[in-house]
């Protein structure tokens, strides 16, 4: 979801930069767009590892498995 919003922001900024604006504003928008394109968006846990969809689904699957095993002991 965050990555989709970042992509939409890049598209909107590109559309804005194509409009008639003064030179300084266009330069600022271009610098901002270059900065957005050069930085990859990712979430980390204290810079130890990257949180991605695979990791989150694996953690949920492991937690569910442990809960099922615990319920069987009762």
C-alpha atoms as a PDB file:
ATOM      1  CA  UNK A   1       0.000   0.000   0.000  1.00  0.00           C
ATOM      2  CA  UNK A   2       2.786   2.428   0.865  1.00  0.00           C
ATOM      3  CA  UNK A   3       4.636   1.574  -2.329  1.00  0.00           C
ATOM      4  CA  UNK A   4       1.468   2.179  -4.351  1.00  0.00           C
ATOM      5  CA  UNK A   5       1.059   5.596  -2.749  1.00  0.00           C
ATOM      6  CA  UNK A   6       4.703   6.425  -3.484  1.00  0.00           C
ATOM      7  CA  UNK A   7       4.182   5.490  -7.131  1.00  0.00           C
ATOM      8  CA  UNK A   8       1.042   7.652  -7.295  1.00  0.00           C
ATOM      9  CA  UNK A   9       3.003  10.548  -5.785  1.00  0.00           C
ATOM     10  CA  UNK A  10       5.687  10.215  -8.453  1.00  0.00           C
ATOM     11  CA  UNK A  11       3.038  10.243 -11.173  1.00  0.00           C
ATOM     12  CA  UNK A  12       1.324  13.316  -9.696  1.00  0.00           C
ATOM     13  CA  UNK A  13       4.603  15.197  -9.366  1.00  0.00           C
ATOM     14  CA  UNK A  14       5.465  14.348 -12.969  1.00  0.00           C
ATOM     15  CA  UNK A  15       2.078  15.694 -14.074  1.00  0.00           C
ATOM     16  CA  UNK A  16       2.606  18.888 -12.069  1.00  0.00           C
ATOM     17  CA  UNK A  17       6.070  19.401 -13.524  1.00  0.00           C
ATOM     18  CA  UNK A  18       4.616  19.279 -17.058  1.00  0.00           C
ATOM     19  CA  UNK A  19       2.421  22.309 -16.355  1.00  0.00           C
ATOM     20  CA  UNK A  20       3.399  25.883 -17.008  1.00  0.00           C
ATOM     21  CA  UNK A  21       5.379  26.983 -13.959  1.00  0.00           C
ATOM     22  CA  UNK A  22       8.170  29.437 -13.377  1.00  0.00           C
ATOM     23  CA  UNK A  23      11.760  28.247 -13.708  1.00  0.00           C
ATOM     24  CA  UNK A  24      12.537  28.058  -9.971  1.00  0.00           C
ATOM     25  CA  UNK A  25       9.444  26.017  -9.195  1.00  0.00           C
ATOM     26  CA  UNK A  26      10.182  23.585 -12.026  1.00  0.00           C
ATOM     27  CA  UNK A  27      13.751  23.146 -10.769  1.00  0.00           C
ATOM     28  CA  UNK A  28      12.528  22.440  -7.234  1.00  0.00           C
ATOM     29  CA  UNK A  29       9.972  19.929  -8.487  1.00  0.00           C
ATOM     30  CA  UNK A  30      12.604  18.243 -10.649  1.00  0.00           C
ATOM     31  CA  UNK A  31      15.020  17.990  -7.705  1.00  0.00           C
ATOM     32  CA  UNK A  32      12.276  16.526  -5.524  1.00  0.00           C
ATOM     33  CA  UNK A  33      11.299  14.036  -8.231  1.00  0.00           C
ATOM     34  CA  UNK A  34      14.925  12.969  -8.689  1.00  0.00           C
ATOM     35  CA  UNK A  35      15.236  12.423  -4.946  1.00  0.00           C
ATOM     36  CA  UNK A  36      12.045  10.344  -4.853  1.00  0.00           C
ATOM     37  CA  UNK A  37      13.191   8.182  -7.764  1.00  0.00           C
ATOM     38  CA  UNK A  38      16.651   7.568  -6.340  1.00  0.00           C
ATOM     39  CA  UNK A  39      15.481   6.460  -2.881  1.00  0.00           C
ATOM     40  CA  UNK A  40      13.911   3.036  -2.527  1.00  0.00           C
ATOM     41  CA  UNK A  41      11.169   2.747   0.058  1.00  0.00           C
ATOM     42  CA  UNK A  42      11.507  -0.153   2.455  1.00  0.00           C
ATOM     43  CA  UNK A  43      10.632  -0.928   6.042  1.00  0.00           C
ATOM     44  CA  UNK A  44      13.221  -2.453   8.350  1.00  0.00           C
ATOM     45  CA  UNK A  45      13.288  -3.685  11.921  1.00  0.00           C
ATOM     46  CA  UNK A  46      16.047  -1.541  13.443  1.00  0.00           C
ATOM     47  CA  UNK A  47      18.076  -2.089  10.233  1.00  0.00           C
ATOM     48  CA  UNK A  48      18.464  -5.791  11.094  1.00  0.00           C
ATOM     49  CA  UNK A  49      16.220  -7.099   8.321  1.00  0.00           C
ATOM     50  CA  UNK A  50      13.734  -5.828   5.781  1.00  0.00           C
ATOM     51  CA  UNK A  51      10.038  -6.261   6.437  1.00  0.00           C
ATOM     52  CA  UNK A  52       8.389  -7.485   3.262  1.00  0.00           C
ATOM     53  CA  UNK A  53       5.284  -9.472   2.336  1.00  0.00           C
ATOM     54  CA  UNK A  54       7.109 -12.808   2.394  1.00  0.00           C
ATOM     55  CA  UNK A  55       8.449 -12.258   5.909  1.00  0.00           C
ATOM     56  CA  UNK A  56       5.101 -11.104   7.276  1.00  0.00           C
ATOM     57  CA  UNK A  57       3.182 -14.048   5.791  1.00  0.00           C
ATOM     58  CA  UNK A  58       5.826 -16.472   7.060  1.00  0.00           C
ATOM     59  CA  UNK A  59       5.558 -15.025  10.568  1.00  0.00           C
ATOM     60  CA  UNK A  60       1.760 -15.296  10.508  1.00  0.00           C
ATOM     61  CA  UNK A  61       1.970 -18.886   9.258  1.00  0.00           C
ATOM     62  CA  UNK A  62       4.461 -19.819  11.992  1.00  0.00           C
ATOM     63  CA  UNK A  63       2.328 -18.197  14.700  1.00  0.00           C
ATOM     64  CA  UNK A  64      -0.778 -19.985  13.431  1.00  0.00           C
ATOM     65  CA  UNK A  65       1.058 -23.320  13.424  1.00  0.00           C
ATOM     66  CA  UNK A  66       2.236 -22.816  17.000  1.00  0.00           C
ATOM     67  CA  UNK A  67      -1.287 -21.885  18.120  1.00  0.00           C
ATOM     68  CA  UNK A  68      -2.735 -25.025  16.525  1.00  0.00           C
ATOM     69  CA  UNK A  69      -0.112 -27.168  18.260  1.00  0.00           C
ATOM     70  CA  UNK A  70      -0.799 -25.476  21.604  1.00  0.00           C
ATOM     71  CA  UNK A  71      -4.536 -26.035  21.207  1.00  0.00           C
ATOM     72  CA  UNK A  72      -3.956 -29.729  20.548  1.00  0.00           C
ATOM     73  CA  UNK A  73      -2.170 -30.116  23.891  1.00  0.00           C
ATOM     74  CA  UNK A  74      -5.321 -29.019  25.740  1.00  0.00           C
END
